[in-house]
Protein backbone atom coordinates (compact mmCIF):
# COMPACT_ATOMS: atom_id res chain seq x y z
CA MET A 1 -2.10 -23.42 4.28
CA SER A 2 -2.65 -19.75 3.47
CA LYS A 3 -5.66 -17.93 4.85
CA LYS A 4 -6.79 -15.92 1.85
CA VAL A 5 -9.18 -12.97 1.87
CA LEU A 6 -10.61 -11.42 -1.28
CA ILE A 7 -11.94 -7.87 -1.01
CA ILE A 8 -14.14 -6.84 -3.93
CA ALA A 9 -14.96 -3.19 -4.53
CA SER A 10 -17.14 -1.73 -7.28
CA GLY A 11 -14.64 -0.99 -10.06
CA GLN A 12 -14.86 -2.60 -13.49
CA SER A 13 -12.51 -5.43 -12.53
CA ALA A 14 -15.01 -6.70 -9.95
CA SER A 15 -16.55 -8.65 -12.84
CA GLN A 16 -13.32 -10.71 -13.04
CA PHE A 17 -14.57 -12.48 -9.92
CA LYS A 18 -16.49 -14.79 -12.26
CA ASP A 19 -13.27 -15.92 -13.98
CA TYR A 20 -12.05 -17.96 -11.01
CA ASP A 21 -13.60 -20.13 -8.31
CA PHE A 22 -12.46 -18.11 -5.30
CA GLU A 23 -14.80 -19.76 -2.82
CA GLY A 24 -13.92 -23.25 -4.03
CA ASN A 25 -10.24 -22.44 -3.67
CA GLY A 26 -10.50 -21.37 -0.06
CA TRP A 27 -10.85 -17.58 -0.28
CA THR A 28 -12.99 -15.73 2.24
CA ILE A 29 -14.90 -13.11 0.28
CA ILE A 30 -15.66 -9.61 1.51
CA ALA A 31 -17.89 -7.50 -0.71
CA VAL A 32 -17.72 -3.71 -0.40
CA ASN A 33 -20.73 -1.53 -1.27
CA ASN A 34 -22.37 -2.65 -4.53
CA ALA A 35 -19.85 -5.45 -5.09
CA TRP A 36 -22.21 -7.93 -3.40
CA GLN A 37 -23.97 -8.04 -6.77
CA VAL A 38 -21.09 -9.98 -8.39
CA CYS A 39 -20.74 -12.50 -5.55
CA ARG A 40 -24.22 -12.70 -4.02
CA ASP A 41 -24.01 -16.40 -3.16
CA GLU A 42 -20.30 -16.62 -2.42
CA LEU A 43 -19.66 -13.65 -0.15
CA LYS A 44 -19.03 -14.20 3.53
CA TYR A 45 -19.06 -10.54 4.65
CA TRP A 46 -20.66 -7.37 3.29
CA ILE A 47 -19.40 -4.00 4.48
CA ARG A 48 -20.46 -0.45 3.57
CA PRO A 49 -20.17 3.03 5.10
CA GLY A 50 -22.98 4.67 7.03
CA ASP A 51 -23.71 7.06 4.16
CA TYR A 52 -23.92 4.30 1.53
CA LYS A 53 -26.47 5.15 -1.18
CA GLY A 54 -26.26 2.04 -3.37
CA ASP A 55 -28.34 -1.12 -3.57
CA VAL A 56 -28.52 -2.88 -0.22
CA PHE A 57 -27.53 -6.51 0.27
CA GLN A 58 -30.60 -8.14 1.78
CA ASN A 59 -31.70 -11.57 2.96
CA PRO A 60 -28.25 -13.01 3.66
CA LYS A 61 -27.96 -16.76 3.59
CA GLU A 62 -26.94 -18.69 6.67
CA GLY A 63 -23.30 -17.89 7.40
CA GLN A 64 -23.28 -14.59 5.52
CA ILE A 65 -22.57 -11.60 7.76
CA ILE A 66 -23.34 -7.91 7.34
CA VAL A 67 -20.56 -5.92 9.03
CA ARG A 68 -22.22 -2.99 10.79
CA THR A 69 -19.39 -1.58 12.90
CA TYR A 70 -15.69 -1.18 12.28
CA ASN A 71 -14.55 1.86 14.27
CA SER A 72 -12.69 -0.10 16.94
CA GLU A 73 -10.84 -2.11 14.30
CA VAL A 74 -9.71 1.05 12.49
CA LYS A 75 -8.70 2.67 15.79
CA LYS A 76 -6.34 -0.23 16.40
CA PHE A 77 -4.37 0.94 13.36
CA GLY A 78 -4.39 4.65 14.16
CA GLY A 79 -7.92 5.80 13.46
CA GLN A 80 -9.91 6.69 10.36
CA LYS A 81 -7.80 9.66 9.27
CA GLU A 82 -4.59 7.64 9.45
CA CYS A 83 -6.17 4.62 7.75
CA GLY A 84 -7.98 6.59 5.05
CA PHE A 85 -11.61 7.52 4.56
CA SER A 86 -12.29 4.62 2.22
CA ILE A 87 -14.53 1.68 3.01
CA THR A 88 -12.29 -0.49 0.83
CA LEU A 89 -9.32 0.28 3.06
CA THR A 90 -11.52 -0.12 6.13
CA ALA A 91 -12.43 -3.62 4.92
CA GLY A 92 -8.74 -4.42 4.73
CA TYR A 93 -8.06 -3.28 8.28
CA TRP A 94 -11.20 -5.03 9.53
CA SER A 95 -10.02 -8.28 7.96
CA LEU A 96 -6.60 -7.97 9.62
CA VAL A 97 -8.32 -7.88 13.02
CA HIS A 98 -11.01 -10.51 12.53
CA LEU A 99 -9.69 -12.92 9.90
CA ASN A 100 -5.90 -12.82 10.44
CA PRO A 101 -5.20 -13.58 6.77
CA SER A 102 -1.86 -14.43 5.23
CA ILE A 103 -3.02 -13.03 1.87
CA ILE A 104 -5.38 -10.18 1.01
CA GLY A 105 -6.30 -9.82 -2.65
CA PHE A 106 -8.25 -6.96 -4.22
CA LEU A 107 -10.57 -6.82 -7.21
CA GLY A 108 -12.56 -3.80 -8.34
CA ALA A 109 -10.31 -1.40 -6.39
CA ASP A 110 -8.32 -0.02 -9.32
CA MET A 111 -9.46 3.61 -8.91
CA ASN A 112 -9.77 3.75 -12.69
CA TYR A 113 -12.86 5.77 -13.59
CA THR A 114 -12.40 5.96 -17.35
CA PRO A 115 -15.93 5.57 -18.79
CA ASP A 116 -16.55 2.43 -20.81
CA LYS A 117 -16.53 3.38 -24.49
CA GLU A 118 -19.83 1.63 -25.21
CA THR A 119 -21.86 2.14 -22.03
CA GLY A 120 -20.20 5.04 -20.23
CA ALA A 121 -19.97 2.88 -17.09
CA THR A 122 -17.36 3.80 -14.50
CA SER A 123 -18.02 0.75 -12.32
CA PHE A 124 -19.13 -2.80 -13.00
CA TYR A 125 -22.79 -1.87 -12.41
CA GLY A 126 -22.92 1.39 -14.38
CA VAL A 127 -21.96 4.96 -13.57
CA GLY A 128 -20.88 5.11 -9.94
CA TYR A 129 -22.91 7.16 -7.47
CA ASP A 130 -19.95 9.41 -6.67
CA ILE A 131 -19.27 10.17 -10.33
CA ARG A 132 -22.99 10.58 -11.07
CA THR A 133 -23.67 13.00 -8.20
CA ARG A 134 -20.34 14.90 -7.82
CA ASN A 135 -18.47 14.04 -11.02
CA GLU A 136 -15.63 13.03 -8.71
CA SER A 137 -14.64 9.63 -7.39
CA ASP A 138 -14.60 8.94 -3.66
CA PRO A 139 -10.84 8.18 -3.59
CA ASP A 140 -10.01 11.37 -5.47
CA ARG A 141 -12.24 13.38 -3.16
CA MET A 142 -10.57 11.73 -0.15
CA ALA A 143 -7.16 12.68 -1.52
CA LYS A 144 -8.20 16.26 -2.16
CA LEU A 145 -9.57 16.67 1.37
CA HIS A 146 -6.92 14.82 3.37
CA LYS A 147 -3.56 15.06 1.61
CA SER A 148 -0.83 17.07 3.29
CA GLU A 149 0.42 20.32 1.78
CA LYS A 150 3.53 18.52 0.57
CA GLN A 151 1.66 15.68 -1.12
CA SER A 152 0.04 15.55 -4.52
CA GLU A 153 -3.34 13.83 -4.59
CA GLU A 154 -1.81 10.82 -6.34
CA ASP A 155 1.00 10.66 -3.78
CA TYR A 156 -1.59 10.64 -1.01
CA LEU A 157 -3.50 7.75 -2.61
CA GLN A 158 -0.30 5.75 -3.05
CA TYR A 159 0.66 6.45 0.57
CA ILE A 160 -2.70 5.62 2.14
CA TYR A 161 -3.04 2.34 0.26
CA LYS A 162 0.58 1.32 0.87
CA ARG A 163 0.00 2.01 4.56
CA LEU A 164 -2.46 -0.88 4.66
CA GLU A 165 0.14 -3.11 3.04
CA LEU A 166 2.77 -2.09 5.62
CA ASN A 167 0.40 -2.87 8.48
CA ALA A 168 -0.50 -6.20 6.89
CA GLU A 169 3.17 -7.12 6.60
CA LYS A 170 3.51 -6.66 10.36
CA GLN A 171 1.00 -9.51 10.67
CA ASN A 172 2.81 -11.65 8.08
CA CYS A 173 0.14 -10.90 5.50
CA LYS A 174 0.85 -10.14 1.83
CA VAL A 175 -1.41 -7.78 -0.13
CA TYR A 176 -1.96 -8.21 -3.88
CA ASN A 177 -3.83 -6.60 -6.73
CA LEU A 178 -5.64 -9.41 -8.57
CA SER A 179 -7.07 -7.10 -11.23
CA LYS A 180 -6.15 -7.30 -14.90
CA ASP A 181 -7.02 -3.63 -15.40
CA ILE A 182 -4.13 -2.07 -17.31
CA GLU A 183 -4.85 1.39 -15.91
CA THR A 184 -5.03 0.38 -12.26
CA ARG A 185 -3.83 2.89 -9.66
CA LEU A 186 -3.82 0.32 -6.85
CA PRO A 187 -0.17 0.15 -5.71
CA TYR A 188 0.09 -3.54 -4.86
CA GLU A 189 2.02 -6.31 -6.57
CA ARG A 190 0.03 -7.90 -9.38
CA ARG A 191 -0.81 -11.57 -9.07
CA SER A 192 -3.46 -13.84 -10.47
CA ALA A 193 -5.55 -15.82 -8.02
CA ASP A 194 -4.35 -19.17 -9.35
CA GLU A 195 -0.76 -18.17 -8.49
CA LEU A 196 -1.82 -17.98 -4.84
CA THR A 197 -3.40 -21.40 -4.47
CA THR A 198 -1.17 -22.83 -1.74
């Protein structure tokens, strides 16, 4: 039986979590940053960076774990610069070390910051902190700061996310994008959760 991990970030597609019973179908749920708000009762792990400015997940239920350190896990895969300065990617590497999954699925990690036509929201909870304070998303800022001279910013993002997939494959783990967002920039094969039930 597959060991399935769902990593939920704060993009608009995080709300698709409610469309499927992930917990009931054997997925271990990791919420990143504000994503705990869509899976408050179902999450197993919550992870955020040290400079996180969003709403804090408090009063975890028995069995829910707040991940406070992850440096050693990232070092195992080459260190933060090699793995990318993204807590979403960090959650993926952390899960490879601690959960040994055969499947990692992502929701809310589309890197699509087109404002909602009605509300102006750039994330499931409203306008994201990074957009609100810098008018620039965290992934795009990461790409601008850390891409090589020969890479475009989009090439860097594709590379740094595919790098996680390549490392997962070495552990016999497949990585999928479970989002239905048409404008996703996440470079993983698209699947729906119910296709991965075995």
